[in-house]
């Protein structure tokens, strides 16, 4: 028969193992990000000084999830990855540059571009499309994968460009 002292000893060991496992799990799921730069503007393309650029998306690329997903091996790829996510995007203003896990680069900031005729994968804001058999209107081109659509009852949802069919 076990004594009360032995039972408490085993409970202490069990509690220590649970806490140690939880801490180890939390530490392995963390990413390391270090801000290595703060720039007024950054671009990998020529910026025309006579063109009137407009703010297209405010604060892109800075969420923990976006930083964690960054696999850009150099700064050029990090800028291009961020700008191409925004239809019509040309350059980044108010940019912050990060080093992720000591080997990848990520950029966050405001995306600027030319406002007129912004389209992505052949779709633009205001297009009438079919999604899952119903008629919708595109209200926003969110990124390179999804857009926001609205039905006749003003119900708004996100949809993949692959799932949309243009109604002419």
Protein backbone atom coordinates (compact mmCIF):
# COMPACT_ATOMS: atom_id res chain seq x y z
CA UNK A 1 0.00 0.00 0.00
CA UNK A 2 1.30 3.42 -0.93
CA UNK A 3 1.69 6.10 1.63
CA UNK A 4 0.23 9.58 1.30
CA UNK A 5 3.78 10.87 0.92
CA UNK A 6 4.31 8.69 -2.19
CA UNK A 7 1.02 9.84 -3.74
CA UNK A 8 1.94 13.53 -3.32
CA UNK A 9 5.40 12.84 -4.76
CA UNK A 10 3.92 11.28 -7.91
CA UNK A 11 1.43 14.14 -8.25
CA UNK A 12 4.31 16.63 -8.06
CA UNK A 13 6.20 14.77 -10.79
CA UNK A 14 3.09 14.59 -12.98
CA UNK A 15 2.40 18.32 -12.54
CA UNK A 16 6.04 19.15 -13.35
CA UNK A 17 5.92 17.03 -16.52
CA UNK A 18 2.68 18.67 -17.68
CA UNK A 19 4.02 22.19 -17.12
CA UNK A 20 7.34 21.35 -18.82
CA UNK A 21 5.53 19.85 -21.82
CA UNK A 22 3.26 22.90 -22.15
CA UNK A 23 6.21 25.29 -22.01
CA UNK A 24 8.18 23.24 -24.55
CA UNK A 25 5.19 23.22 -26.90
CA UNK A 26 4.73 26.97 -26.56
CA UNK A 27 8.40 27.68 -27.23
CA UNK A 28 8.61 25.46 -30.31
CA UNK A 29 5.55 27.10 -31.88
CA UNK A 30 7.01 30.60 -31.55
CA UNK A 31 8.72 32.39 -34.37
CA UNK A 32 11.57 34.78 -34.00
CA UNK A 33 11.13 38.14 -35.73
CA UNK A 34 13.53 41.03 -35.56
CA UNK A 35 12.83 44.39 -37.14
CA UNK A 36 15.91 45.30 -39.15
CA UNK A 37 14.69 48.35 -41.03
CA UNK A 38 12.19 51.19 -41.13
CA UNK A 39 11.87 52.84 -44.57
CA UNK A 40 9.75 55.65 -46.00
CA UNK A 41 9.32 53.83 -49.32
CA UNK A 42 10.56 50.64 -50.92
CA UNK A 43 10.04 49.28 -54.42
CA UNK A 44 11.58 46.81 -56.82
CA UNK A 45 10.02 48.56 -59.82
CA UNK A 46 10.55 51.96 -61.39
CA UNK A 47 8.33 54.57 -59.80
CA UNK A 48 7.13 57.29 -62.18
CA UNK A 49 7.36 60.69 -60.54
CA UNK A 50 4.60 62.18 -62.74
CA UNK A 51 2.05 59.46 -61.97
CA UNK A 52 -0.56 60.08 -59.29
CA UNK A 53 -0.36 57.05 -57.05
CA UNK A 54 -3.03 56.34 -54.42
CA UNK A 55 -3.14 54.31 -51.24
CA UNK A 56 -4.67 50.95 -52.15
CA UNK A 57 -4.22 48.91 -48.94
CA UNK A 58 -3.33 50.15 -45.52
CA UNK A 59 -0.96 48.10 -43.34
CA UNK A 60 -0.25 44.84 -45.16
CA UNK A 61 2.05 41.99 -44.22
CA UNK A 62 2.50 42.67 -40.51
CA UNK A 63 0.34 40.06 -38.83
CA UNK A 64 2.07 37.26 -36.97
CA UNK A 65 0.57 34.78 -39.43
CA UNK A 66 1.90 36.69 -42.45
CA UNK A 67 5.35 37.03 -40.91
CA UNK A 68 5.41 33.31 -40.07
CA UNK A 69 4.52 32.40 -43.68
CA UNK A 70 7.33 34.47 -45.18
CA UNK A 71 9.89 32.38 -47.04
CA UNK A 72 11.61 35.21 -48.95
CA UNK A 73 15.36 34.57 -49.12
CA UNK A 74 16.14 38.22 -49.88
CA UNK A 75 14.61 41.67 -49.52
CA UNK A 76 13.61 41.90 -53.19
CA UNK A 77 11.48 38.75 -52.92
CA UNK A 78 9.91 39.98 -49.68
CA UNK A 79 8.85 43.28 -51.30
CA UNK A 80 7.56 41.54 -54.44
CA UNK A 81 5.60 38.99 -52.38
CA UNK A 82 3.87 41.77 -50.45
CA UNK A 83 3.11 44.01 -53.44
CA UNK A 84 1.78 41.20 -55.66
CA UNK A 85 -0.82 40.30 -53.03
CA UNK A 86 -2.58 43.59 -53.67
CA UNK A 87 -4.17 44.12 -57.10
CA UNK A 88 -2.77 47.31 -58.63
CA UNK A 89 0.05 47.51 -56.07
CA UNK A 90 3.28 49.17 -57.21
CA UNK A 91 5.32 50.00 -54.09
CA UNK A 92 5.29 50.08 -50.28
CA UNK A 93 5.34 53.22 -48.12
CA UNK A 94 5.96 53.33 -44.36
CA UNK A 95 7.70 49.98 -44.67
CA UNK A 96 9.13 47.89 -41.87
CA UNK A 97 11.57 45.13 -42.75
CA UNK A 98 11.88 42.01 -40.59
CA UNK A 99 14.26 39.10 -40.35
CA UNK A 100 12.20 35.98 -39.60
CA UNK A 101 13.83 33.02 -37.85
CA UNK A 102 17.23 34.41 -38.76
CA UNK A 103 17.00 33.50 -42.46
CA UNK A 104 13.84 34.86 -44.13
CA UNK A 105 12.79 38.43 -44.88
CA UNK A 106 9.34 39.96 -44.51
CA UNK A 107 8.01 43.45 -45.22
CA UNK A 108 4.94 45.25 -43.89
CA UNK A 109 3.55 48.62 -44.87
CA UNK A 110 1.04 50.58 -46.94
CA UNK A 111 0.58 49.47 -50.55
CA UNK A 112 0.39 52.24 -53.13
CA UNK A 113 -0.46 51.96 -56.81
CA UNK A 114 -2.50 53.30 -59.70
CA UNK A 115 -6.20 53.36 -58.81
CA UNK A 116 -7.71 53.32 -62.26
CA UNK A 117 -8.76 49.99 -63.77
CA UNK A 118 -7.43 47.82 -60.95
CA UNK A 119 -8.13 44.22 -61.81
CA UNK A 120 -6.82 40.88 -60.75
CA UNK A 121 -7.02 37.63 -62.66
CA UNK A 122 -9.46 39.37 -65.01
CA UNK A 123 -11.81 40.50 -62.23
CA UNK A 124 -12.40 44.07 -61.03
CA UNK A 125 -14.57 45.78 -58.43
CA UNK A 126 -18.16 46.02 -59.65
CA UNK A 127 -18.06 42.88 -61.83
CA UNK A 128 -21.14 40.66 -61.67
CA UNK A 129 -20.09 37.07 -61.02
CA UNK A 130 -21.60 33.68 -60.32
CA UNK A 131 -20.54 31.88 -57.14
CA UNK A 132 -22.03 28.52 -56.14
CA UNK A 133 -24.95 29.07 -58.50
CA UNK A 134 -25.86 32.52 -57.16
CA UNK A 135 -25.30 36.03 -58.52
CA UNK A 136 -22.88 38.34 -56.66
CA UNK A 137 -21.08 41.66 -57.17
CA UNK A 138 -17.36 42.01 -56.42
CA UNK A 139 -16.88 44.70 -53.77
CA UNK A 140 -13.16 44.35 -53.02
CA UNK A 141 -10.11 42.62 -54.49
CA UNK A 142 -8.51 41.54 -51.20
CA UNK A 143 -5.33 39.79 -52.34
CA UNK A 144 -3.98 37.39 -54.95
CA UNK A 145 -6.27 34.54 -53.84
CA UNK A 146 -9.64 35.93 -52.69
CA UNK A 147 -12.02 38.82 -53.17
CA UNK A 148 -15.07 40.07 -51.28
CA UNK A 149 -18.45 39.57 -52.94
CA UNK A 150 -21.96 40.77 -52.06
CA UNK A 151 -25.32 39.29 -53.04
CA UNK A 152 -28.62 41.12 -53.68
CA UNK A 153 -29.50 40.84 -49.95
CA UNK A 154 -26.27 42.70 -49.01
CA UNK A 155 -24.75 39.51 -47.56
CA UNK A 156 -20.95 39.78 -47.84
CA UNK A 157 -18.49 36.88 -48.07
CA UNK A 158 -15.02 36.05 -49.31
CA UNK A 159 -14.57 33.90 -52.39
CA UNK A 160 -11.60 32.45 -54.24
CA UNK A 161 -11.08 33.73 -57.77
CA UNK A 162 -11.01 30.09 -58.90
CA UNK A 163 -14.63 29.65 -57.75
CA UNK A 164 -15.99 32.68 -59.62
CA UNK A 165 -17.46 32.86 -63.10
CA UNK A 166 -18.03 36.20 -64.76
CA UNK A 167 -21.58 36.95 -65.91
CA UNK A 168 -21.49 39.17 -68.98
